[in-house]
C-alpha atoms as a PDB file:
ATOM      1  CA  UNK A   1      46.177 349.718  68.625  1.00  0.00           C
ATOM      2  CA  UNK A   2      49.749 350.785  66.700  1.00  0.00           C
ATOM      3  CA  UNK A   3      52.627 348.307  66.536  1.00  0.00           C
ATOM      4  CA  UNK A   4      54.534 350.751  69.004  1.00  0.00           C
ATOM      5  CA  UNK A   5      51.472 350.446  71.478  1.00  0.00           C
ATOM      6  CA  UNK A   6      51.911 346.571  71.111  1.00  0.00           C
ATOM      7  CA  UNK A   7      55.430 346.822  71.927  1.00  0.00           C
ATOM      8  CA  UNK A   8      54.858 348.933  75.229  1.00  0.00           C
ATOM      9  CA  UNK A   9      52.027 346.805  76.928  1.00  0.00           C
ATOM     10  CA  UNK A  10      54.551 343.701  76.212  1.00  0.00           C
ATOM     11  CA  UNK A  11      57.326 345.499  77.495  1.00  0.00           C
ATOM     12  CA  UNK A  12      55.334 346.196  80.350  1.00  0.00           C
ATOM     13  CA  UNK A  13      54.529 342.696  81.355  1.00  0.00           C
ATOM     14  CA  UNK A  14      58.080 341.524  80.932  1.00  0.00           C
ATOM     15  CA  UNK A  15      59.064 344.033  83.499  1.00  0.00           C
ATOM     16  CA  UNK A  16      56.058 342.738  85.859  1.00  0.00           C
ATOM     17  CA  UNK A  17      56.954 338.997  85.230  1.00  0.00           C
ATOM     18  CA  UNK A  18      60.960 339.554  85.835  1.00  0.00           C
ATOM     19  CA  UNK A  19      59.766 341.722  89.053  1.00  0.00           C
ATOM     20  CA  UNK A  20      57.374 338.893  90.294  1.00  0.00           C
ATOM     21  CA  UNK A  21      59.869 336.146  90.153  1.00  0.00           C
ATOM     22  CA  UNK A  22      63.201 338.065  90.607  1.00  0.00           C
ATOM     23  CA  UNK A  23      64.014 335.763  94.199  1.00  0.00           C
ATOM     24  CA  UNK A  24      63.652 332.511  91.876  1.00  0.00           C
ATOM     25  CA  UNK A  25      66.419 333.420  89.789  1.00  0.00           C
ATOM     26  CA  UNK A  26      65.269 332.343  86.422  1.00  0.00           C
ATOM     27  CA  UNK A  27      67.027 332.038  82.982  1.00  0.00           C
ATOM     28  CA  UNK A  28      66.679 334.807  80.464  1.00  0.00           C
ATOM     29  CA  UNK A  29      62.957 335.170  79.546  1.00  0.00           C
ATOM     30  CA  UNK A  30      61.677 333.950  76.144  1.00  0.00           C
ATOM     31  CA  UNK A  31      59.306 336.203  74.812  1.00  0.00           C
ATOM     32  CA  UNK A  32      56.671 334.786  72.106  1.00  0.00           C
ATOM     33  CA  UNK A  33      54.674 338.210  71.174  1.00  0.00           C
ATOM     34  CA  UNK A  34      51.236 337.794  69.571  1.00  0.00           C
ATOM     35  CA  UNK A  35      49.675 339.934  66.575  1.00  0.00           C
ATOM     36  CA  UNK A  36      48.077 343.152  68.288  1.00  0.00           C
ATOM     37  CA  UNK A  37      45.072 342.236  66.244  1.00  0.00           C
ATOM     38  CA  UNK A  38      42.781 339.505  65.097  1.00  0.00           C
ATOM     39  CA  UNK A  39      44.166 336.934  67.082  1.00  0.00           C
ATOM     40  CA  UNK A  40      40.884 335.442  69.288  1.00  0.00           C
ATOM     41  CA  UNK A  41      39.498 332.670  68.033  1.00  0.00           C
ATOM     42  CA  UNK A  42      36.957 332.987  70.930  1.00  0.00           C
ATOM     43  CA  UNK A  43      34.042 335.702  71.497  1.00  0.00           C
ATOM     44  CA  UNK A  44      31.093 336.192  73.477  1.00  0.00           C
ATOM     45  CA  UNK A  45      28.734 339.543  73.109  1.00  0.00           C
ATOM     46  CA  UNK A  46      25.407 340.461  74.930  1.00  0.00           C
ATOM     47  CA  UNK A  47      22.590 341.213  72.171  1.00  0.00           C
ATOM     48  CA  UNK A  48      21.266 344.739  72.668  1.00  0.00           C
ATOM     49  CA  UNK A  49      17.846 345.083  71.819  1.00  0.00           C
ATOM     50  CA  UNK A  50      16.357 348.986  70.626  1.00  0.00           C
ATOM     51  CA  UNK A  51      12.912 348.374  69.227  1.00  0.00           C
ATOM     52  CA  UNK A  52      12.717 346.051  66.327  1.00  0.00           C
ATOM     53  CA  UNK A  53      16.305 346.231  65.958  1.00  0.00           C
ATOM     54  CA  UNK A  54      19.764 344.895  67.784  1.00  0.00           C
ATOM     55  CA  UNK A  55      23.074 345.138  67.776  1.00  0.00           C
ATOM     56  CA  UNK A  56      26.296 343.344  69.347  1.00  0.00           C
ATOM     57  CA  UNK A  57      27.358 345.058  73.324  1.00  0.00           C
ATOM     58  CA  UNK A  58      29.770 344.780  75.496  1.00  0.00           C
ATOM     59  CA  UNK A  59      30.282 346.370  79.171  1.00  0.00           C
ATOM     60  CA  UNK A  60      33.166 348.098  80.644  1.00  0.00           C
ATOM     61  CA  UNK A  61      35.257 345.932  82.686  1.00  0.00           C
ATOM     62  CA  UNK A  62      33.860 345.922  86.113  1.00  0.00           C
ATOM     63  CA  UNK A  63      30.239 346.880  85.260  1.00  0.00           C
ATOM     64  CA  UNK A  64      27.267 344.634  85.787  1.00  0.00           C
ATOM     65  CA  UNK A  65      25.996 343.782  81.993  1.00  0.00           C
ATOM     66  CA  UNK A  66      22.487 345.839  81.500  1.00  0.00           C
ATOM     67  CA  UNK A  67      23.704 348.258  84.493  1.00  0.00           C
ATOM     68  CA  UNK A  68      26.857 349.874  83.227  1.00  0.00           C
ATOM     69  CA  UNK A  69      27.672 351.844  80.130  1.00  0.00           C
ATOM     70  CA  UNK A  70      26.626 349.925  77.041  1.00  0.00           C
ATOM     71  CA  UNK A  71      29.172 349.675  74.039  1.00  0.00           C
ATOM     72  CA  UNK A  72      27.701 348.749  70.901  1.00  0.00           C
ATOM     73  CA  UNK A  73      29.580 347.446  68.156  1.00  0.00           C
ATOM     74  CA  UNK A  74      29.367 346.010  64.624  1.00  0.00           C
ATOM     75  CA  UNK A  75      32.377 343.941  65.019  1.00  0.00           C
ATOM     76  CA  UNK A  76      35.106 343.391  67.386  1.00  0.00           C
ATOM     77  CA  UNK A  77      38.768 343.821  65.781  1.00  0.00           C
ATOM     78  CA  UNK A  78      40.880 341.674  68.199  1.00  0.00           C
ATOM     79  CA  UNK A  79      38.834 338.682  67.150  1.00  0.00           C
ATOM     80  CA  UNK A  80      39.942 336.556  64.596  1.00  0.00           C
ATOM     81  CA  UNK A  81      39.435 337.791  60.814  1.00  0.00           C
ATOM     82  CA  UNK A  82      36.503 334.254  60.550  1.00  0.00           C
ATOM     83  CA  UNK A  83      34.498 336.039  63.452  1.00  0.00           C
ATOM     84  CA  UNK A  84      34.649 339.660  62.039  1.00  0.00           C
ATOM     85  CA  UNK A  85      33.840 338.893  58.687  1.00  0.00           C
ATOM     86  CA  UNK A  86      30.810 336.900  59.925  1.00  0.00           C
ATOM     87  CA  UNK A  87      29.349 339.572  62.635  1.00  0.00           C
ATOM     88  CA  UNK A  88      27.907 342.054  60.207  1.00  0.00           C
ATOM     89  CA  UNK A  89      26.405 339.209  58.201  1.00  0.00           C
ATOM     90  CA  UNK A  90      24.968 337.212  61.146  1.00  0.00           C
ATOM     91  CA  UNK A  91      23.688 340.694  62.649  1.00  0.00           C
ATOM     92  CA  UNK A  92      21.826 341.507  59.427  1.00  0.00           C
ATOM     93  CA  UNK A  93      20.077 338.410  58.985  1.00  0.00           C
ATOM     94  CA  UNK A  94      18.931 338.294  62.607  1.00  0.00           C
ATOM     95  CA  UNK A  95      17.886 341.752  62.371  1.00  0.00           C
ATOM     96  CA  UNK A  96      15.896 340.846  59.591  1.00  0.00           C
ATOM     97  CA  UNK A  97      14.077 337.379  61.263  1.00  0.00           C
ATOM     98  CA  UNK A  98      11.863 338.244  64.307  1.00  0.00           C
ATOM     99  CA  UNK A  99      12.074 334.075  65.125  1.00  0.00           C
ATOM    100  CA  UNK A 100      15.822 334.615  65.327  1.00  0.00           C
ATOM    101  CA  UNK A 101      15.915 337.824  66.684  1.00  0.00           C
ATOM    102  CA  UNK A 102      12.829 337.977  70.030  1.00  0.00           C
ATOM    103  CA  UNK A 103      14.250 336.887  73.079  1.00  0.00           C
ATOM    104  CA  UNK A 104      17.919 336.351  72.105  1.00  0.00           C
ATOM    105  CA  UNK A 105      20.243 337.223  74.870  1.00  0.00           C
ATOM    106  CA  UNK A 106      23.805 336.164  73.925  1.00  0.00           C
ATOM    107  CA  UNK A 107      25.528 335.036  70.726  1.00  0.00           C
ATOM    108  CA  UNK A 108      29.022 332.954  70.868  1.00  0.00           C
ATOM    109  CA  UNK A 109      31.412 332.315  68.793  1.00  0.00           C
ATOM    110  CA  UNK A 110      34.262 329.417  68.126  1.00  0.00           C
ATOM    111  CA  UNK A 111      36.425 330.165  64.989  1.00  0.00           C
ATOM    112  CA  UNK A 112      39.729 328.150  63.911  1.00  0.00           C
ATOM    113  CA  UNK A 113      42.686 328.418  61.711  1.00  0.00           C
ATOM    114  CA  UNK A 114      41.077 326.023  59.851  1.00  0.00           C
ATOM    115  CA  UNK A 115      38.292 328.103  58.452  1.00  0.00           C
ATOM    116  CA  UNK A 116      35.060 326.254  60.738  1.00  0.00           C
ATOM    117  CA  UNK A 117      33.054 328.660  62.624  1.00  0.00           C
ATOM    118  CA  UNK A 118      30.652 327.586  65.165  1.00  0.00           C
ATOM    119  CA  UNK A 119      27.785 330.140  66.570  1.00  0.00           C
ATOM    120  CA  UNK A 120      25.894 329.573  69.692  1.00  0.00           C
ATOM    121  CA  UNK A 121      22.732 331.752  69.951  1.00  0.00           C
ATOM    122  CA  UNK A 122      21.002 332.173  73.563  1.00  0.00           C
ATOM    123  CA  UNK A 123      17.552 332.990  74.104  1.00  0.00           C
ATOM    124  CA  UNK A 124      15.313 333.597  77.118  1.00  0.00           C
ATOM    125  CA  UNK A 125      12.744 331.621  75.159  1.00  0.00           C
ATOM    126  CA  UNK A 126      11.459 328.351  74.263  1.00  0.00           C
ATOM    127  CA  UNK A 127      13.329 327.119  71.126  1.00  0.00           C
ATOM    128  CA  UNK A 128      10.638 325.748  68.700  1.00  0.00           C
ATOM    129  CA  UNK A 129      10.323 323.940  65.442  1.00  0.00           C
ATOM    130  CA  UNK A 130       9.737 327.451  63.382  1.00  0.00           C
ATOM    131  CA  UNK A 131      13.085 328.334  65.276  1.00  0.00           C
ATOM    132  CA  UNK A 132      14.956 325.311  64.136  1.00  0.00           C
ATOM    133  CA  UNK A 133      13.944 325.871  60.369  1.00  0.00           C
ATOM    134  CA  UNK A 134      14.680 329.249  60.650  1.00  0.00           C
ATOM    135  CA  UNK A 135      18.265 328.494  62.337  1.00  0.00           C
ATOM    136  CA  UNK A 136      19.183 325.684  59.802  1.00  0.00           C
ATOM    137  CA  UNK A 137      18.290 328.131  56.740  1.00  0.00           C
ATOM    138  CA  UNK A 138      21.138 331.021  58.779  1.00  0.00           C
ATOM    139  CA  UNK A 139      23.434 328.094  58.982  1.00  0.00           C
ATOM    140  CA  UNK A 140      23.263 327.130  55.478  1.00  0.00           C
ATOM    141  CA  UNK A 141      23.483 330.823  54.139  1.00  0.00           C
ATOM    142  CA  UNK A 142      26.249 331.701  56.000  1.00  0.00           C
ATOM    143  CA  UNK A 143      28.041 328.397  55.677  1.00  0.00           C
ATOM    144  CA  UNK A 144      28.666 327.882  59.389  1.00  0.00           C
ATOM    145  CA  UNK A 145      27.490 325.486  62.512  1.00  0.00           C
ATOM    146  CA  UNK A 146      24.928 326.691  65.035  1.00  0.00           C
ATOM    147  CA  UNK A 147      23.692 325.535  67.995  1.00  0.00           C
ATOM    148  CA  UNK A 148      20.274 327.428  69.995  1.00  0.00           C
ATOM    149  CA  UNK A 149      20.496 327.590  73.595  1.00  0.00           C
ATOM    150  CA  UNK A 150      17.661 328.635  76.249  1.00  0.00           C
ATOM    151  CA  UNK A 151      17.089 327.301  79.827  1.00  0.00           C
ATOM    152  CA  UNK A 152      17.169 323.294  79.580  1.00  0.00           C
ATOM    153  CA  UNK A 153      17.488 322.977  76.145  1.00  0.00           C
ATOM    154  CA  UNK A 154      20.853 322.605  73.385  1.00  0.00           C
ATOM    155  CA  UNK A 155      19.345 322.472  69.949  1.00  0.00           C
ATOM    156  CA  UNK A 156      22.405 321.539  67.558  1.00  0.00           C
ATOM    157  CA  UNK A 157      21.679 322.717  64.169  1.00  0.00           C
ATOM    158  CA  UNK A 158      24.354 320.941  62.189  1.00  0.00           C
ATOM    159  CA  UNK A 159      27.025 320.196  64.618  1.00  0.00           C
ATOM    160  CA  UNK A 160      28.579 321.132  67.970  1.00  0.00           C
ATOM    161  CA  UNK A 161      32.219 321.402  67.765  1.00  0.00           C
ATOM    162  CA  UNK A 162      34.770 322.782  65.049  1.00  0.00           C
ATOM    163  CA  UNK A 163      37.906 321.280  63.729  1.00  0.00           C
ATOM    164  CA  UNK A 164      41.361 323.059  64.247  1.00  0.00           C
ATOM    165  CA  UNK A 165      44.595 322.464  62.443  1.00  0.00           C
ATOM    166  CA  UNK A 166      47.690 323.507  64.444  1.00  0.00           C
ATOM    167  CA  UNK A 167      51.421 323.260  62.983  1.00  0.00           C
ATOM    168  CA  UNK A 168      53.967 322.228  65.150  1.00  0.00           C
ATOM    169  CA  UNK A 169      57.528 321.932  63.670  1.00  0.00           C
ATOM    170  CA  UNK A 170      56.114 321.445  60.006  1.00  0.00           C
ATOM    171  CA  UNK A 171      53.513 318.513  61.168  1.00  0.00           C
ATOM    172  CA  UNK A 172      49.965 319.650  61.384  1.00  0.00           C
ATOM    173  CA  UNK A 173      47.691 318.168  64.222  1.00  0.00           C
ATOM    174  CA  UNK A 174      44.143 317.991  64.320  1.00  0.00           C
ATOM    175  CA  UNK A 175      41.695 318.857  67.058  1.00  0.00           C
ATOM    176  CA  UNK A 176      38.206 318.698  67.757  1.00  0.00           C
ATOM    177  CA  UNK A 177      36.902 321.450  69.596  1.00  0.00           C
ATOM    178  CA  UNK A 178      34.044 321.372  71.617  1.00  0.00           C
ATOM    179  CA  UNK A 179      31.181 323.682  72.051  1.00  0.00           C
ATOM    180  CA  UNK A 180      31.765 324.717  75.506  1.00  0.00           C
ATOM    181  CA  UNK A 181      34.902 323.383  76.847  1.00  0.00           C
ATOM    182  CA  UNK A 182      38.301 325.089  76.953  1.00  0.00           C
ATOM    183  CA  UNK A 183      40.687 325.928  74.178  1.00  0.00           C
ATOM    184  CA  UNK A 184      43.421 327.875  73.812  1.00  0.00           C
ATOM    185  CA  UNK A 185      41.822 331.689  72.686  1.00  0.00           C
ATOM    186  CA  UNK A 186      44.697 332.776  70.625  1.00  0.00           C
ATOM    187  CA  UNK A 187      45.580 329.659  68.042  1.00  0.00           C
ATOM    188  CA  UNK A 188      49.006 331.409  66.719  1.00  0.00           C
ATOM    189  CA  UNK A 189      50.444 331.631  70.071  1.00  0.00           C
ATOM    190  CA  UNK A 190      49.381 328.209  71.065  1.00  0.00           C
ATOM    191  CA  UNK A 191      51.126 327.288  68.031  1.00  0.00           C
ATOM    192  CA  UNK A 192      54.444 328.516  69.567  1.00  0.00           C
ATOM    193  CA  UNK A 193      53.455 327.317  73.092  1.00  0.00           C
ATOM    194  CA  UNK A 194      53.211 324.055  71.237  1.00  0.00           C
ATOM    195  CA  UNK A 195      56.588 324.173  69.438  1.00  0.00           C
ATOM    196  CA  UNK A 196      58.447 325.558  72.578  1.00  0.00           C
ATOM    197  CA  UNK A 197      57.040 322.556  74.517  1.00  0.00           C
ATOM    198  CA  UNK A 198      58.592 320.041  71.961  1.00  0.00           C
ATOM    199  CA  UNK A 199      61.439 321.881  71.948  1.00  0.00           C
ATOM    200  CA  UNK A 200      61.975 321.432  75.886  1.00  0.00           C
ATOM    201  CA  UNK A 201      61.273 317.658  75.212  1.00  0.00           C
ATOM    202  CA  UNK A 202      63.892 317.242  72.519  1.00  0.00           C
ATOM    203  CA  UNK A 203      66.459 318.048  75.312  1.00  0.00           C
ATOM    204  CA  UNK A 204      64.873 315.178  77.774  1.00  0.00           C
ATOM    205  CA  UNK A 205      65.925 311.590  77.495  1.00  0.00           C
ATOM    206  CA  UNK A 206      63.197 309.782  76.013  1.00  0.00           C
ATOM    207  CA  UNK A 207      61.197 308.050  79.221  1.00  0.00           C
ATOM    208  CA  UNK A 208      57.383 308.192  79.770  1.00  0.00           C
ATOM    209  CA  UNK A 209      55.554 311.267  80.098  1.00  0.00           C
ATOM    210  CA  UNK A 210      52.818 312.075  82.293  1.00  0.00           C
ATOM    211  CA  UNK A 211      49.975 314.816  81.752  1.00  0.00           C
ATOM    212  CA  UNK A 212      48.052 316.017  84.079  1.00  0.00           C
ATOM    213  CA  UNK A 213      45.209 318.522  83.065  1.00  0.00           C
ATOM    214  CA  UNK A 214      45.476 317.143  79.614  1.00  0.00           C
ATOM    215  CA  UNK A 215      42.017 318.915  77.957  1.00  0.00           C
ATOM    216  CA  UNK A 216      41.507 318.150  74.641  1.00  0.00           C
ATOM    217  CA  UNK A 217      44.826 316.521  74.225  1.00  0.00           C
ATOM    218  CA  UNK A 218      46.084 320.134  72.956  1.00  0.00           C
ATOM    219  CA  UNK A 219      49.917 319.705  74.170  1.00  0.00           C
ATOM    220  CA  UNK A 220      49.375 315.929  74.183  1.00  0.00           C
ATOM    221  CA  UNK A 221      49.504 314.932  70.796  1.00  0.00           C
ATOM    222  CA  UNK A 222      52.995 316.966  69.939  1.00  0.00           C
ATOM    223  CA  UNK A 223      54.556 315.822  73.113  1.00  0.00           C
ATOM    224  CA  UNK A 224      53.599 312.287  72.205  1.00  0.00           C
ATOM    225  CA  UNK A 225      56.137 312.520  69.434  1.00  0.00           C
ATOM    226  CA  UNK A 226      58.821 312.877  72.089  1.00  0.00           C
ATOM    227  CA  UNK A 227      58.345 310.264  74.458  1.00  0.00           C
ATOM    228  CA  UNK A 228      58.093 306.648  74.459  1.00  0.00           C
ATOM    229  CA  UNK A 229      54.674 306.731  76.189  1.00  0.00           C
ATOM    230  CA  UNK A 230      52.167 309.228  77.645  1.00  0.00           C
ATOM    231  CA  UNK A 231      49.366 308.846  80.234  1.00  0.00           C
ATOM    232  CA  UNK A 232      47.209 311.896  79.877  1.00  0.00           C
ATOM    233  CA  UNK A 233      44.589 312.896  82.942  1.00  0.00           C
ATOM    234  CA  UNK A 234      41.661 314.941  82.754  1.00  0.00           C
ATOM    235  CA  UNK A 235      38.584 315.404  84.839  1.00  0.00           C
ATOM    236  CA  UNK A 236      36.276 317.254  81.874  1.00  0.00           C
ATOM    237  CA  UNK A 237      34.076 314.559  80.404  1.00  0.00           C
ATOM    238  CA  UNK A 238      33.472 316.819  77.569  1.00  0.00           C
ATOM    239  CA  UNK A 239      37.101 317.647  77.147  1.00  0.00           C
ATOM    240  CA  UNK A 240      37.946 313.644  77.741  1.00  0.00           C
ATOM    241  CA  UNK A 241      35.448 312.851  74.845  1.00  0.00           C
ATOM    242  CA  UNK A 242      37.352 315.388  72.414  1.00  0.00           C
ATOM    243  CA  UNK A 243      40.593 314.151  73.567  1.00  0.00           C
ATOM    244  CA  UNK A 244      39.582 310.140  72.780  1.00  0.00           C
ATOM    245  CA  UNK A 245      38.787 311.561  69.120  1.00  0.00           C
ATOM    246  CA  UNK A 246      42.111 313.808  68.400  1.00  0.00           C
ATOM    247  CA  UNK A 247      43.968 311.017  69.616  1.00  0.00           C
ATOM    248  CA  UNK A 248      42.330 308.185  67.459  1.00  0.00           C
ATOM    249  CA  UNK A 249      41.955 310.578  64.707  1.00  0.00           C
ATOM    250  CA  UNK A 250      46.105 311.278  64.732  1.00  0.00           C
ATOM    251  CA  UNK A 251      46.832 307.565  64.992  1.00  0.00           C
ATOM    252  CA  UNK A 252      48.415 308.160  68.413  1.00  0.00           C
ATOM    253  CA  UNK A 253      49.302 304.720  69.645  1.00  0.00           C
ATOM    254  CA  UNK A 254      51.480 305.808  72.664  1.00  0.00           C
ATOM    255  CA  UNK A 255      49.172 307.567  74.319  1.00  0.00           C
ATOM    256  CA  UNK A 256      46.500 306.315  77.269  1.00  0.00           C
ATOM    257  CA  UNK A 257      43.974 308.568  78.560  1.00  0.00           C
ATOM    258  CA  UNK A 258      42.144 308.780  82.311  1.00  0.00           C
ATOM    259  CA  UNK A 259      39.544 310.607  83.230  1.00  0.00           C
ATOM    260  CA  UNK A 260      40.712 311.520  86.759  1.00  0.00           C
ATOM    261  CA  UNK A 261      41.398 314.865  88.427  1.00  0.00           C
ATOM    262  CA  UNK A 262      45.062 315.735  89.528  1.00  0.00           C
ATOM    263  CA  UNK A 263      44.129 315.450  93.002  1.00  0.00           C
ATOM    264  CA  UNK A 264      42.879 311.386  92.493  1.00  0.00           C
ATOM    265  CA  UNK A 265      45.802 310.816  90.298  1.00  0.00           C
ATOM    266  CA  UNK A 266      47.646 311.492  93.015  1.00  0.00           C
ATOM    267  CA  UNK A 267      46.115 309.414  95.190  1.00  0.00           C
ATOM    268  CA  UNK A 268      46.338 306.668  92.725  1.00  0.00           C
ATOM    269  CA  UNK A 269      49.907 307.243  91.841  1.00  0.00           C
ATOM    270  CA  UNK A 270      50.710 306.618  95.855  1.00  0.00           C
ATOM    271  CA  UNK A 271      48.568 304.050  96.231  1.00  0.00           C
ATOM    272  CA  UNK A 272      46.174 305.800  98.462  1.00  0.00           C
ATOM    273  CA  UNK A 273      43.067 305.081  96.922  1.00  0.00           C
ATOM    274  CA  UNK A 274      42.301 302.750  93.395  1.00  0.00           C
ATOM    275  CA  UNK A 275      40.078 303.943  90.468  1.00  0.00           C
ATOM    276  CA  UNK A 276      37.904 301.857  88.662  1.00  0.00           C
ATOM    277  CA  UNK A 277      38.262 304.099  85.700  1.00  0.00           C
ATOM    278  CA  UNK A 278      41.874 302.873  85.481  1.00  0.00           C
ATOM    279  CA  UNK A 279      41.196 299.340  85.633  1.00  0.00           C
ATOM    280  CA  UNK A 280      38.222 300.092  82.710  1.00  0.00           C
ATOM    281  CA  UNK A 281      41.279 301.918  80.685  1.00  0.00           C
ATOM    282  CA  UNK A 282      43.973 298.736  81.341  1.00  0.00           C
ATOM    283  CA  UNK A 283      46.140 301.056  82.730  1.00  0.00           C
ATOM    284  CA  UNK A 284      48.643 299.792  85.080  1.00  0.00           C
ATOM    285  CA  UNK A 285      50.830 302.439  86.918  1.00  0.00           C
ATOM    286  CA  UNK A 286      53.556 300.312  87.627  1.00  0.00           C
ATOM    287  CA  UNK A 287      53.999 299.705  83.708  1.00  0.00           C
ATOM    288  CA  UNK A 288      55.387 303.607  83.759  1.00  0.00           C
ATOM    289  CA  UNK A 289      58.695 304.493  83.826  1.00  0.00           C
ATOM    290  CA  UNK A 290      57.946 308.514  83.909  1.00  0.00           C
ATOM    291  CA  UNK A 291      60.924 311.080  83.338  1.00  0.00           C
ATOM    292  CA  UNK A 292      58.850 314.014  83.172  1.00  0.00           C
ATOM    293  CA  UNK A 293      55.351 315.265  84.341  1.00  0.00           C
ATOM    294  CA  UNK A 294      53.647 318.265  81.943  1.00  0.00           C
ATOM    295  CA  UNK A 295      50.930 320.443  83.624  1.00  0.00           C
ATOM    296  CA  UNK A 296      48.833 323.335  82.518  1.00  0.00           C
ATOM    297  CA  UNK A 297      46.529 323.360  85.522  1.00  0.00           C
ATOM    298  CA  UNK A 298      43.604 326.433  85.988  1.00  0.00           C
ATOM    299  CA  UNK A 299      44.652 329.828  87.164  1.00  0.00           C
ATOM    300  CA  UNK A 300      43.887 328.332  90.719  1.00  0.00           C
ATOM    301  CA  UNK A 301      47.577 326.663  90.117  1.00  0.00           C
ATOM    302  CA  UNK A 302      48.418 323.428  91.642  1.00  0.00           C
ATOM    303  CA  UNK A 303      47.517 322.118  94.925  1.00  0.00           C
ATOM    304  CA  UNK A 304      49.668 321.199  97.774  1.00  0.00           C
ATOM    305  CA  UNK A 305      49.674 317.428  97.374  1.00  0.00           C
ATOM    306  CA  UNK A 306      49.851 317.555  93.610  1.00  0.00           C
ATOM    307  CA  UNK A 307      52.934 319.745  93.841  1.00  0.00           C
ATOM    308  CA  UNK A 308      54.722 317.086  96.427  1.00  0.00           C
ATOM    309  CA  UNK A 309      53.983 314.624  93.513  1.00  0.00           C
ATOM    310  CA  UNK A 310      55.651 316.527  90.939  1.00  0.00           C
ATOM    311  CA  UNK A 311      58.518 316.383  93.138  1.00  0.00           C
ATOM    312  CA  UNK A 312      59.253 312.891  92.513  1.00  0.00           C
ATOM    313  CA  UNK A 313      59.806 313.352  88.328  1.00  0.00           C
ATOM    314  CA  UNK A 314      63.024 314.128  86.903  1.00  0.00           C
ATOM    315  CA  UNK A 315      61.496 317.023  84.798  1.00  0.00           C
ATOM    316  CA  UNK A 316      58.779 319.467  85.267  1.00  0.00           C
ATOM    317  CA  UNK A 317      57.327 321.362  82.278  1.00  0.00           C
ATOM    318  CA  UNK A 318      54.837 323.860  83.731  1.00  0.00           C
ATOM    319  CA  UNK A 319      52.599 325.910  81.422  1.00  0.00           C
ATOM    320  CA  UNK A 320      50.735 328.902  83.663  1.00  0.00           C
ATOM    321  CA  UNK A 321      47.954 331.390  83.048  1.00  0.00           C
ATOM    322  CA  UNK A 322      48.584 332.881  86.024  1.00  0.00           C
ATOM    323  CA  UNK A 323      52.007 334.117  87.023  1.00  0.00           C
ATOM    324  CA  UNK A 324      50.978 334.890  91.025  1.00  0.00           C
ATOM    325  CA  UNK A 325      49.957 330.903  91.245  1.00  0.00           C
ATOM    326  CA  UNK A 326      52.852 330.254  89.175  1.00  0.00           C
ATOM    327  CA  UNK A 327      55.419 332.213  91.396  1.00  0.00           C
ATOM    328  CA  UNK A 328      53.842 330.532  94.633  1.00  0.00           C
ATOM    329  CA  UNK A 329      54.032 327.110  93.311  1.00  0.00           C
ATOM    330  CA  UNK A 330      57.310 327.384  92.242  1.00  0.00           C
ATOM    331  CA  UNK A 331      58.828 328.128  95.624  1.00  0.00           C
ATOM    332  CA  UNK A 332      57.716 324.728  96.370  1.00  0.00           C
ATOM    333  CA  UNK A 333      58.908 323.259  93.471  1.00  0.00           C
ATOM    334  CA  UNK A 334      62.451 324.592  93.452  1.00  0.00           C
ATOM    335  CA  UNK A 335      63.046 322.914  96.782  1.00  0.00           C
ATOM    336  CA  UNK A 336      63.898 320.021  94.590  1.00  0.00           C
ATOM    337  CA  UNK A 337      64.404 321.258  91.148  1.00  0.00           C
ATOM    338  CA  UNK A 338      65.947 324.203  89.295  1.00  0.00           C
ATOM    339  CA  UNK A 339      64.636 326.045  86.649  1.00  0.00           C
ATOM    340  CA  UNK A 340      66.335 325.516  83.192  1.00  0.00           C
ATOM    341  CA  UNK A 341      64.013 327.712  80.662  1.00  0.00           C
ATOM    342  CA  UNK A 342      61.109 329.967  81.196  1.00  0.00           C
ATOM    343  CA  UNK A 343      58.921 331.977  78.364  1.00  0.00           C
ATOM    344  CA  UNK A 344      56.313 334.798  78.265  1.00  0.00           C
ATOM    345  CA  UNK A 345      53.471 333.931  75.635  1.00  0.00           C
ATOM    346  CA  UNK A 346      51.307 337.002  75.109  1.00  0.00           C
ATOM    347  CA  UNK A 347      48.045 335.009  74.536  1.00  0.00           C
ATOM    348  CA  UNK A 348      46.249 338.245  75.329  1.00  0.00           C
ATOM    349  CA  UNK A 349      47.653 341.731  74.180  1.00  0.00           C
ATOM    350  CA  UNK A 350      46.511 344.982  75.885  1.00  0.00           C
ATOM    351  CA  UNK A 351      45.188 342.921  78.947  1.00  0.00           C
ATOM    352  CA  UNK A 352      47.191 342.060  82.191  1.00  0.00           C
ATOM    353  CA  UNK A 353      46.594 338.522  81.379  1.00  0.00           C
ATOM    354  CA  UNK A 354      50.507 336.918  81.207  1.00  0.00           C
ATOM    355  CA  UNK A 355      50.576 333.082  79.891  1.00  0.00           C
ATOM    356  CA  UNK A 356      54.185 331.441  80.888  1.00  0.00           C
ATOM    357  CA  UNK A 357      56.165 328.234  80.732  1.00  0.00           C
ATOM    358  CA  UNK A 358      59.080 327.039  82.847  1.00  0.00           C
ATOM    359  CA  UNK A 359      61.408 323.857  82.738  1.00  0.00           C
ATOM    360  CA  UNK A 360      62.701 322.467  86.097  1.00  0.00           C
ATOM    361  CA  UNK A 361      64.760 319.962  86.516  1.00  0.00           C
ATOM    362  CA  UNK A 362      65.648 317.837  89.460  1.00  0.00           C
ATOM    363  CA  UNK A 363      68.538 319.177  91.550  1.00  0.00           C
END
C-alpha cells in the first residue's frame, strides 16, 4: 500500500463521485484523505483452529466463512497500532490456555485514539467460572477490557465500553463507545468530518438545530457549540444511553435527547402522532426555532416522508455513507434547496465505500 497506490484509489473515488453527481451541479469537491495504513479503530476476525493451535482468519469478499479460501494472519495493517500491537500478544495467551482457546469462534476489537481497547471473544460453548477467572487474568495482563459472549451469555470481565477523545478545532470531546453499537471506524477522518460540519455551522445564523440519527452524540456535541439549542433523536437504546452519558460528561446544557426514529419524529413534528417519550423528557417541539437540520442516516438513506420534513428547514447538513442513496435523496432535496458545500471523506481506503457531506441551503 504505497503512497502512489493510495492516491490512485482516492483519485478513482473522486472521479466516481463527480461522475455520479454530474447532474446535480455541485460545488467543487473538498477531499479529506486518510492514512493508508493503521486507520481502522474496529476489526473482527474468525478464529481458525489447527489441532491445538489457532490463528486469526479472514475470507475473501464473497466467500462464505468456513467454505472459501481462508487467509490466516497474525496482524492486520489497516487496523490501528493499538489493535496490531495487541493481536499477537492476545493470540499467544489464547493458544497457551485451552479454557480460552477451546470453541473460540470470533474475536472483535474496538480501540480509541485515547488508548483504550476492548476485546470481545465469542464462543460456541457455555462460559463458566473457570473461563471468567482465566479471562480476568488475561485482561489484567494485557491491560485491556474484555467481554465473553456465547449464545444467551454476555460476561463483562471489567467493562463493556471504551472512552474516546476527539479533537475538534482545539477542543477535546469525550465519548463513551459501547461494545456492539455503531462508532465511526476511522477516528482521524472522523475528526475531519466533525470540523467540516462545524465550519459549515459557523456560516449559518445561530438558531436551533435538529439532529436525526444522532447515535452516541458524535456530531451532536461539537455542533452544539454553534447553535442556541439542539434537539437530537436516536432510536437505538444503547446509543441513547451512551449519548446521555457523553452529553452529561461534557456538561452540554443546550442539548435535549429524544429516543425516536426519524419517521417517528416526523410524525410528532407534523402533529400526526403524540409520543410519551417527548413528554417524559419534557420536550415541547413548539418551543424550538429550528434553522438547521443535521442528518447522518444509515446506508439505505432517508425515507420519502422524512425528506419532505427536511425541506422545511433553511439549512440541511447531510453526512452520507452511501453516495448512491445520497444522490437519490438530493434529487428530492434540490427541489427546494441548493448545495453550498460538498466533501468526500475517505473513511475506508482501498475499498469502494465513500463517506461524504453536503450542505444545502433553501433557495
